[in-house]
Amino acid sequence: MIWEDALVLARCLSDQREPVAALRAYEARGRKRTAAVTRQSALVGKVGQWEQPLLCSLRDGLTPLVFATVLSKLFVAHLSNGPHPDA
C-alpha cells in the first residue's frame, strides 16, 4: 500500500494548488480506503472463526478457489490500473 499511497499523494498534489488542500484530499481518500480494508479484514476474520463443521468445510473448500480466481483477478487489475479507485 505504500506505493499506492505515494501515487495518490502525488495525484492530490498535482490536482490541488494549495498544499494544505492537497493533504486534506489525500487524507480523505486514505480514510475511505482504510475503512474498506478494515471492513474486509473483519469479514475474513469472522469467517476464519467459524466453528460449525459444515461451514468450516465449505469455507476450507472455497478458500483456494477464491484465491485462485477472484483475488488473482483483483491483483492483476490493480497492477494494470494503478491505485485502487477509492484510494
PDB file of N, CA and C in Angstrom:
ATOM      1  N   MET A   1       0.801  -1.199   0.000  1.00  0.00           N
ATOM      2  CA  MET A   1       0.000   0.000   0.000  1.00  0.00           C
ATOM      3  C   MET A   1       0.848   1.268   0.000  1.00  0.00           C
ATOM      4  N   ILE A   2       2.108   1.168   0.324  1.00  0.00           N
ATOM      5  CA  ILE A   2       2.921   2.386   0.383  1.00  0.00           C
ATOM      6  C   ILE A   2       3.094   3.017  -1.003  1.00  0.00           C
ATOM      7  N   TRP A   3       3.240   2.184  -2.025  1.00  0.00           N
ATOM      8  CA  TRP A   3       3.367   2.739  -3.373  1.00  0.00           C
ATOM      9  C   TRP A   3       2.046   3.353  -3.801  1.00  0.00           C
ATOM     10  N   GLU A   4       0.979   2.710  -3.429  1.00  0.00           N
ATOM     11  CA  GLU A   4      -0.345   3.248  -3.722  1.00  0.00           C
ATOM     12  C   GLU A   4      -0.512   4.605  -3.040  1.00  0.00           C
ATOM     13  N   ASP A   5      -0.108   4.704  -1.785  1.00  0.00           N
ATOM     14  CA  ASP A   5      -0.185   5.965  -1.050  1.00  0.00           C
ATOM     15  C   ASP A   5       0.639   7.054  -1.727  1.00  0.00           C
ATOM     16  N   ALA A   6       1.825   6.692  -2.168  1.00  0.00           N
ATOM     17  CA  ALA A   6       2.694   7.672  -2.824  1.00  0.00           C
ATOM     18  C   ALA A   6       2.064   8.186  -4.117  1.00  0.00           C
ATOM     19  N   LEU A   7       1.467   7.283  -4.882  1.00  0.00           N
ATOM     20  CA  LEU A   7       0.818   7.705  -6.128  1.00  0.00           C
ATOM     21  C   LEU A   7      -0.392   8.587  -5.864  1.00  0.00           C
ATOM     22  N   VAL A   8      -1.158   8.235  -4.853  1.00  0.00           N
ATOM     23  CA  VAL A   8      -2.338   9.038  -4.511  1.00  0.00           C
ATOM     24  C   VAL A   8      -1.910  10.419  -4.013  1.00  0.00           C
ATOM     25  N   LEU A   9      -0.889  10.469  -3.188  1.00  0.00           N
ATOM     26  CA  LEU A   9      -0.393  11.760  -2.699  1.00  0.00           C
ATOM     27  C   LEU A   9       0.111  12.614  -3.867  1.00  0.00           C
ATOM     28  N   ALA A  10       0.836  12.008  -4.772  1.00  0.00           N
ATOM     29  CA  ALA A  10       1.315  12.752  -5.945  1.00  0.00           C
ATOM     30  C   ALA A  10       0.153  13.281  -6.776  1.00  0.00           C
ATOM     31  N   ARG A  11      -0.875  12.463  -6.927  1.00  0.00           N
ATOM     32  CA  ARG A  11      -2.052  12.888  -7.684  1.00  0.00           C
ATOM     33  C   ARG A  11      -2.748  14.053  -6.981  1.00  0.00           C
ATOM     34  N   CYS A  12      -2.895  13.958  -5.672  1.00  0.00           N
ATOM     35  CA  CYS A  12      -3.537  15.042  -4.913  1.00  0.00           C
ATOM     36  C   CYS A  12      -2.731  16.330  -5.007  1.00  0.00           C
ATOM     37  N   LEU A  13      -1.417  16.218  -4.915  1.00  0.00           N
ATOM     38  CA  LEU A  13      -0.570  17.413  -5.006  1.00  0.00           C
ATOM     39  C   LEU A  13      -0.633  18.045  -6.388  1.00  0.00           C
ATOM     40  N   SER A  14      -0.784  17.219  -7.424  1.00  0.00           N
ATOM     41  CA  SER A  14      -0.862  17.786  -8.771  1.00  0.00           C
ATOM     42  C   SER A  14      -2.249  18.358  -9.071  1.00  0.00           C
ATOM     43  N   ASP A  15      -3.275  17.848  -8.412  1.00  0.00           N
ATOM     44  CA  ASP A  15      -4.642  18.320  -8.648  1.00  0.00           C
ATOM     45  C   ASP A  15      -4.987  19.590  -7.881  1.00  0.00           C
ATOM     46  N   GLN A  16      -4.299  19.853  -6.781  1.00  0.00           N
ATOM     47  CA  GLN A  16      -4.627  20.994  -5.922  1.00  0.00           C
ATOM     48  C   GLN A  16      -3.537  22.061  -6.013  1.00  0.00           C
ATOM     49  N   ARG A  17      -3.945  23.294  -5.964  1.00  0.00           N
ATOM     50  CA  ARG A  17      -2.968  24.384  -5.991  1.00  0.00           C
ATOM     51  C   ARG A  17      -2.318  24.582  -4.631  1.00  0.00           C
ATOM     52  N   GLU A  18      -3.103  24.424  -3.598  1.00  0.00           N
ATOM     53  CA  GLU A  18      -2.617  24.640  -2.239  1.00  0.00           C
ATOM     54  C   GLU A  18      -2.197  23.319  -1.607  1.00  0.00           C
ATOM     55  N   PRO A  19      -0.996  23.267  -1.034  1.00  0.00           N
ATOM     56  CA  PRO A  19      -0.542  22.027  -0.400  1.00  0.00           C
ATOM     57  C   PRO A  19      -1.467  21.540   0.718  1.00  0.00           C
ATOM     58  N   VAL A  20      -2.031  22.465   1.495  1.00  0.00           N
ATOM     59  CA  VAL A  20      -2.925  22.067   2.589  1.00  0.00           C
ATOM     60  C   VAL A  20      -4.174  21.385   2.021  1.00  0.00           C
ATOM     61  N   ALA A  21      -4.710  21.928   0.941  1.00  0.00           N
ATOM     62  CA  ALA A  21      -5.884  21.314   0.299  1.00  0.00           C
ATOM     63  C   ALA A  21      -5.530  19.938  -0.261  1.00  0.00           C
ATOM     64  N   ALA A  22      -4.334  19.816  -0.812  1.00  0.00           N
ATOM     65  CA  ALA A  22      -3.889  18.525  -1.342  1.00  0.00           C
ATOM     66  C   ALA A  22      -3.770  17.488  -0.233  1.00  0.00           C
ATOM     67  N   LEU A  23      -3.218  17.888   0.894  1.00  0.00           N
ATOM     68  CA  LEU A  23      -3.076  16.962   2.017  1.00  0.00           C
ATOM     69  C   LEU A  23      -4.431  16.575   2.596  1.00  0.00           C
ATOM     70  N   ARG A  24      -5.368  17.511   2.605  1.00  0.00           N
ATOM     71  CA  ARG A  24      -6.719  17.179   3.082  1.00  0.00           C
ATOM     72  C   ARG A  24      -7.395  16.185   2.137  1.00  0.00           C
ATOM     73  N   ALA A  25      -7.225  16.389   0.848  1.00  0.00           N
ATOM     74  CA  ALA A  25      -7.795  15.456  -0.130  1.00  0.00           C
ATOM     75  C   ALA A  25      -7.167  14.077   0.024  1.00  0.00           C
ATOM     76  N   TYR A  26      -5.865  14.041   0.217  1.00  0.00           N
ATOM     77  CA  TYR A  26      -5.152  12.783   0.426  1.00  0.00           C
ATOM     78  C   TYR A  26      -5.659  12.068   1.678  1.00  0.00           C
ATOM     79  N   GLU A  27      -5.843  12.822   2.741  1.00  0.00           N
ATOM     80  CA  GLU A  27      -6.329  12.247   3.994  1.00  0.00           C
ATOM     81  C   GLU A  27      -7.734  11.677   3.833  1.00  0.00           C
ATOM     82  N   ALA A  28      -8.595  12.396   3.127  1.00  0.00           N
ATOM     83  CA  ALA A  28      -9.971  11.930   2.914  1.00  0.00           C
ATOM     84  C   ALA A  28      -9.988  10.637   2.103  1.00  0.00           C
ATOM     85  N   ARG A  29      -9.180  10.575   1.077  1.00  0.00           N
ATOM     86  CA  ARG A  29      -9.099   9.351   0.272  1.00  0.00           C
ATOM     87  C   ARG A  29      -8.551   8.192   1.097  1.00  0.00           C
ATOM     88  N   GLY A  30      -7.573   8.482   1.914  1.00  0.00           N
ATOM     89  CA  GLY A  30      -6.969   7.443   2.744  1.00  0.00           C
ATOM     90  C   GLY A  30      -7.949   6.870   3.745  1.00  0.00           C
ATOM     91  N   ARG A  31      -8.774   7.729   4.317  1.00  0.00           N
ATOM     92  CA  ARG A  31      -9.778   7.252   5.276  1.00  0.00           C
ATOM     93  C   ARG A  31     -10.756   6.293   4.622  1.00  0.00           C
ATOM     94  N   LYS A  32     -11.192   6.643   3.432  1.00  0.00           N
ATOM     95  CA  LYS A  32     -12.152   5.811   2.722  1.00  0.00           C
ATOM     96  C   LYS A  32     -11.543   4.443   2.420  1.00  0.00           C
ATOM     97  N   ARG A  33     -10.315   4.427   1.930  1.00  0.00           N
ATOM     98  CA  ARG A  33      -9.646   3.171   1.593  1.00  0.00           C
ATOM     99  C   ARG A  33      -9.367   2.349   2.858  1.00  0.00           C
ATOM    100  N   THR A  34      -8.917   3.001   3.906  1.00  0.00           N
ATOM    101  CA  THR A  34      -8.628   2.302   5.157  1.00  0.00           C
ATOM    102  C   THR A  34      -9.901   1.674   5.721  1.00  0.00           C
ATOM    103  N   ALA A  35     -11.004   2.382   5.634  1.00  0.00           N
ATOM    104  CA  ALA A  35     -12.277   1.843   6.128  1.00  0.00           C
ATOM    105  C   ALA A  35     -12.669   0.595   5.340  1.00  0.00           C
ATOM    106  N   ALA A  36     -12.464   0.603   4.033  1.00  0.00           N
ATOM    107  CA  ALA A  36     -12.799  -0.565   3.208  1.00  0.00           C
ATOM    108  C   ALA A  36     -11.923  -1.758   3.574  1.00  0.00           C
ATOM    109  N   VAL A  37     -10.632  -1.525   3.752  1.00  0.00           N
ATOM    110  CA  VAL A  37      -9.719  -2.609   4.128  1.00  0.00           C
ATOM    111  C   VAL A  37     -10.087  -3.157   5.502  1.00  0.00           C
ATOM    112  N   THR A  38     -10.456  -2.293   6.423  1.00  0.00           N
ATOM    113  CA  THR A  38     -10.847  -2.717   7.770  1.00  0.00           C
ATOM    114  C   THR A  38     -12.102  -3.586   7.722  1.00  0.00           C
ATOM    115  N   ARG A  39     -13.085  -3.167   6.924  1.00  0.00           N
ATOM    116  CA  ARG A  39     -14.321  -3.964   6.797  1.00  0.00           C
ATOM    117  C   ARG A  39     -14.020  -5.337   6.202  1.00  0.00           C
ATOM    118  N   GLN A  40     -13.200  -5.383   5.159  1.00  0.00           N
ATOM    119  CA  GLN A  40     -12.854  -6.654   4.526  1.00  0.00           C
ATOM    120  C   GLN A  40     -12.099  -7.552   5.500  1.00  0.00           C
ATOM    121  N   SER A  41     -11.193  -6.988   6.252  1.00  0.00           N
ATOM    122  CA  SER A  41     -10.425  -7.763   7.228  1.00  0.00           C
ATOM    123  C   SER A  41     -11.328  -8.329   8.318  1.00  0.00           C
ATOM    124  N   ALA A  42     -12.290  -7.532   8.772  1.00  0.00           N
ATOM    125  CA  ALA A  42     -13.219  -8.002   9.796  1.00  0.00           C
ATOM    126  C   ALA A  42     -14.053  -9.170   9.284  1.00  0.00           C
ATOM    127  N   LEU A  43     -14.496  -9.091   8.041  1.00  0.00           N
ATOM    128  CA  LEU A  43     -15.278 -10.174   7.454  1.00  0.00           C
ATOM    129  C   LEU A  43     -14.449 -11.455   7.347  1.00  0.00           C
ATOM    130  N   VAL A  44     -13.228 -11.334   6.857  1.00  0.00           N
ATOM    131  CA  VAL A  44     -12.350 -12.500   6.747  1.00  0.00           C
ATOM    132  C   VAL A  44     -12.088 -13.088   8.130  1.00  0.00           C
ATOM    133  N   GLY A  45     -11.907 -12.243   9.121  1.00  0.00           N
ATOM    134  CA  GLY A  45     -11.684 -12.713  10.478  1.00  0.00           C
ATOM    135  C   GLY A  45     -12.881 -13.478  11.026  1.00  0.00           C
ATOM    136  N   LYS A  46     -14.087 -12.989  10.751  1.00  0.00           N
ATOM    137  CA  LYS A  46     -15.294 -13.681  11.213  1.00  0.00           C
ATOM    138  C   LYS A  46     -15.429 -15.050  10.545  1.00  0.00           C
ATOM    139  N   VAL A  47     -15.195 -15.089   9.252  1.00  0.00           N
ATOM    140  CA  VAL A  47     -15.280 -16.360   8.530  1.00  0.00           C
ATOM    141  C   VAL A  47     -14.218 -17.330   9.045  1.00  0.00           C
ATOM    142  N   GLY A  48     -13.046 -16.823   9.356  1.00  0.00           N
ATOM    143  CA  GLY A  48     -11.974 -17.662   9.865  1.00  0.00           C
ATOM    144  C   GLY A  48     -12.254 -18.242  11.244  1.00  0.00           C
ATOM    145  N   GLN A  49     -13.193 -17.666  11.957  1.00  0.00           N
ATOM    146  CA  GLN A  49     -13.511 -18.138  13.307  1.00  0.00           C
ATOM    147  C   GLN A  49     -14.729 -19.057  13.353  1.00  0.00           C
ATOM    148  N   TRP A  50     -15.287 -19.365  12.193  1.00  0.00           N
ATOM    149  CA  TRP A  50     -16.409 -20.296  12.188  1.00  0.00           C
ATOM    150  C   TRP A  50     -15.998 -21.594  12.857  1.00  0.00           C
ATOM    151  N   GLU A  51     -16.926 -22.199  13.578  1.00  0.00           N
ATOM    152  CA  GLU A  51     -16.652 -23.464  14.265  1.00  0.00           C
ATOM    153  C   GLU A  51     -17.574 -24.586  13.813  1.00  0.00           C
ATOM    154  N   GLN A  52     -18.693 -24.257  13.194  1.00  0.00           N
ATOM    155  CA  GLN A  52     -19.636 -25.274  12.765  1.00  0.00           C
ATOM    156  C   GLN A  52     -18.989 -26.106  11.645  1.00  0.00           C
ATOM    157  N   PRO A  53     -18.933 -27.430  11.781  1.00  0.00           N
ATOM    158  CA  PRO A  53     -18.197 -28.274  10.832  1.00  0.00           C
ATOM    159  C   PRO A  53     -18.611 -28.097   9.370  1.00  0.00           C
ATOM    160  N   LEU A  54     -19.898 -27.989   9.095  1.00  0.00           N
ATOM    161  CA  LEU A  54     -20.335 -27.839   7.709  1.00  0.00           C
ATOM    162  C   LEU A  54     -19.843 -26.514   7.131  1.00  0.00           C
ATOM    163  N   LEU A  55     -19.976 -25.437   7.893  1.00  0.00           N
ATOM    164  CA  LEU A  55     -19.490 -24.137   7.426  1.00  0.00           C
ATOM    165  C   LEU A  55     -17.977 -24.129   7.266  1.00  0.00           C
ATOM    166  N   CYS A  56     -17.273 -24.793   8.174  1.00  0.00           N
ATOM    167  CA  CYS A  56     -15.815 -24.873   8.070  1.00  0.00           C
ATOM    168  C   CYS A  56     -15.394 -25.625   6.815  1.00  0.00           C
ATOM    169  N   SER A  57     -16.095 -26.704   6.506  1.00  0.00           N
ATOM    170  CA  SER A  57     -15.792 -27.463   5.289  1.00  0.00           C
ATOM    171  C   SER A  57     -16.041 -26.617   4.051  1.00  0.00           C
ATOM    172  N   LEU A  58     -17.145 -25.888   4.059  1.00  0.00           N
ATOM    173  CA  LEU A  58     -17.463 -25.002   2.943  1.00  0.00           C
ATOM    174  C   LEU A  58     -16.392 -23.929   2.788  1.00  0.00           C
ATOM    175  N   ARG A  59     -16.050 -23.279   3.887  1.00  0.00           N
ATOM    176  CA  ARG A  59     -15.015 -22.247   3.877  1.00  0.00           C
ATOM    177  C   ARG A  59     -13.685 -22.798   3.381  1.00  0.00           C
ATOM    178  N   ASP A  60     -13.277 -23.939   3.935  1.00  0.00           N
ATOM    179  CA  ASP A  60     -11.988 -24.517   3.581  1.00  0.00           C
ATOM    180  C   ASP A  60     -11.948 -24.974   2.134  1.00  0.00           C
ATOM    181  N   GLY A  61     -13.082 -25.413   1.617  1.00  0.00           N
ATOM    182  CA  GLY A  61     -13.129 -25.832   0.219  1.00  0.00           C
ATOM    183  C   GLY A  61     -13.150 -24.673  -0.752  1.00  0.00           C
ATOM    184  N   LEU A  62     -13.786 -23.575  -0.359  1.00  0.00           N
ATOM    185  CA  LEU A  62     -13.903 -22.423  -1.255  1.00  0.00           C
ATOM    186  C   LEU A  62     -12.703 -21.482  -1.207  1.00  0.00           C
ATOM    187  N   THR A  63     -11.974 -21.493  -0.126  1.00  0.00           N
ATOM    188  CA  THR A  63     -10.853 -20.555   0.014  1.00  0.00           C
ATOM    189  C   THR A  63      -9.852 -20.651  -1.135  1.00  0.00           C
ATOM    190  N   PRO A  64      -9.374 -21.845  -1.504  1.00  0.00           N
ATOM    191  CA  PRO A  64      -8.431 -21.906  -2.624  1.00  0.00           C
ATOM    192  C   PRO A  64      -9.038 -21.406  -3.936  1.00  0.00           C
ATOM    193  N   LEU A  65     -10.318 -21.691  -4.140  1.00  0.00           N
ATOM    194  CA  LEU A  65     -10.991 -21.234  -5.350  1.00  0.00           C
ATOM    195  C   LEU A  65     -11.059 -19.707  -5.385  1.00  0.00           C
ATOM    196  N   VAL A  66     -11.390 -19.107  -4.251  1.00  0.00           N
ATOM    197  CA  VAL A  66     -11.467 -17.647  -4.177  1.00  0.00           C
ATOM    198  C   VAL A  66     -10.105 -17.029  -4.463  1.00  0.00           C
ATOM    199  N   PHE A  67      -9.066 -17.582  -3.848  1.00  0.00           N
ATOM    200  CA  PHE A  67      -7.729 -17.045  -4.087  1.00  0.00           C
ATOM    201  C   PHE A  67      -7.307 -17.230  -5.534  1.00  0.00           C
ATOM    202  N   ALA A  68      -7.654 -18.347  -6.123  1.00  0.00           N
ATOM    203  CA  ALA A  68      -7.227 -18.637  -7.494  1.00  0.00           C
ATOM    204  C   ALA A  68      -7.962 -17.794  -8.529  1.00  0.00           C
ATOM    205  N   THR A  69      -9.180 -17.397  -8.237  1.00  0.00           N
ATOM    206  CA  THR A  69      -9.960 -16.677  -9.238  1.00  0.00           C
ATOM    207  C   THR A  69     -10.149 -15.203  -8.888  1.00  0.00           C
ATOM    208  N   VAL A  70     -10.933 -14.948  -7.895  1.00  0.00           N
ATOM    209  CA  VAL A  70     -11.325 -13.573  -7.576  1.00  0.00           C
ATOM    210  C   VAL A  70     -10.134 -12.712  -7.190  1.00  0.00           C
ATOM    211  N   LEU A  71      -9.360 -13.160  -6.215  1.00  0.00           N
ATOM    212  CA  LEU A  71      -8.270 -12.328  -5.723  1.00  0.00           C
ATOM    213  C   LEU A  71      -7.164 -12.158  -6.758  1.00  0.00           C
ATOM    214  N   SER A  72      -6.896 -13.179  -7.541  1.00  0.00           N
ATOM    215  CA  SER A  72      -5.864 -13.018  -8.561  1.00  0.00           C
ATOM    216  C   SER A  72      -6.296 -12.019  -9.624  1.00  0.00           C
ATOM    217  N   LYS A  73      -7.579 -12.024  -9.980  1.00  0.00           N
ATOM    218  CA  LYS A  73      -8.081 -11.049 -10.948  1.00  0.00           C
ATOM    219  C   LYS A  73      -7.999  -9.628 -10.391  1.00  0.00           C
ATOM    220  N   LEU A  74      -8.350  -9.485  -9.106  1.00  0.00           N
ATOM    221  CA  LEU A  74      -8.251  -8.167  -8.484  1.00  0.00           C
ATOM    222  C   LEU A  74      -6.808  -7.680  -8.445  1.00  0.00           C
ATOM    223  N   PHE A  75      -5.892  -8.582  -8.156  1.00  0.00           N
ATOM    224  CA  PHE A  75      -4.479  -8.221  -8.090  1.00  0.00           C
ATOM    225  C   PHE A  75      -3.968  -7.786  -9.458  1.00  0.00           C
ATOM    226  N   VAL A  76      -4.306  -8.533 -10.494  1.00  0.00           N
ATOM    227  CA  VAL A  76      -3.872  -8.179 -11.847  1.00  0.00           C
ATOM    228  C   VAL A  76      -4.490  -6.848 -12.265  1.00  0.00           C
ATOM    229  N   ALA A  77      -5.768  -6.660 -11.963  1.00  0.00           N
ATOM    230  CA  ALA A  77      -6.421  -5.392 -12.296  1.00  0.00           C
ATOM    231  C   ALA A  77      -5.768  -4.238 -11.556  1.00  0.00           C
ATOM    232  N   HIS A  78      -5.410  -4.476 -10.306  1.00  0.00           N
ATOM    233  CA  HIS A  78      -4.754  -3.441  -9.508  1.00  0.00           C
ATOM    234  C   HIS A  78      -3.413  -3.061 -10.127  1.00  0.00           C
ATOM    235  N   LEU A  79      -2.649  -4.044 -10.532  1.00  0.00           N
ATOM    236  CA  LEU A  79      -1.338  -3.759 -11.117  1.00  0.00           C
ATOM    237  C   LEU A  79      -1.456  -3.037 -12.451  1.00  0.00           C
ATOM    238  N   SER A  80      -2.453  -3.368 -13.234  1.00  0.00           N
ATOM    239  CA  SER A  80      -2.565  -2.763 -14.548  1.00  0.00           C
ATOM    240  C   SER A  80      -3.259  -1.401 -14.538  1.00  0.00           C
ATOM    241  N   ASN A  81      -4.064  -1.144 -13.513  1.00  0.00           N
ATOM    242  CA  ASN A  81      -4.827   0.106 -13.470  1.00  0.00           C
ATOM    243  C   ASN A  81      -4.307   1.131 -12.487  1.00  0.00           C
ATOM    244  N   GLY A  82      -3.244   0.831 -11.769  1.00  0.00           N
ATOM    245  CA  GLY A  82      -2.724   1.778 -10.800  1.00  0.00           C
ATOM    246  C   GLY A  82      -3.434   1.663  -9.480  1.00  0.00           C
ATOM    247  N   PRO A  83      -3.438   2.717  -8.684  1.00  0.00           N
ATOM    248  CA  PRO A  83      -4.018   2.664  -7.333  1.00  0.00           C
ATOM    249  C   PRO A  83      -5.500   2.324  -7.354  1.00  0.00           C
ATOM    250  N   HIS A  84      -5.955   1.774  -6.252  1.00  0.00           N
ATOM    251  CA  HIS A  84      -7.359   1.448  -6.077  1.00  0.00           C
ATOM    252  C   HIS A  84      -8.164   2.722  -6.282  1.00  0.00           C
ATOM    253  N   PRO A  85      -9.313   2.645  -6.974  1.00  0.00           N
ATOM    254  CA  PRO A  85     -10.091   3.861  -7.235  1.00  0.00           C
ATOM    255  C   PRO A  85     -10.529   4.600  -5.980  1.00  0.00           C
ATOM    256  N   ASP A  86     -10.675   3.908  -4.869  1.00  0.00           N
ATOM    257  CA  ASP A  86     -11.069   4.569  -3.631  1.00  0.00           C
ATOM    258  C   ASP A  86      -9.879   5.095  -2.857  1.00  0.00           C
ATOM    259  N   ALA A  87      -8.703   4.814  -3.323  1.00  0.00           N
ATOM    260  CA  ALA A  87      -7.503   5.221  -2.583  1.00  0.00           C
ATOM    261  C   ALA A  87      -7.238   6.686  -2.745  1.00  0.00           C
TER     262      ALA A  87
END
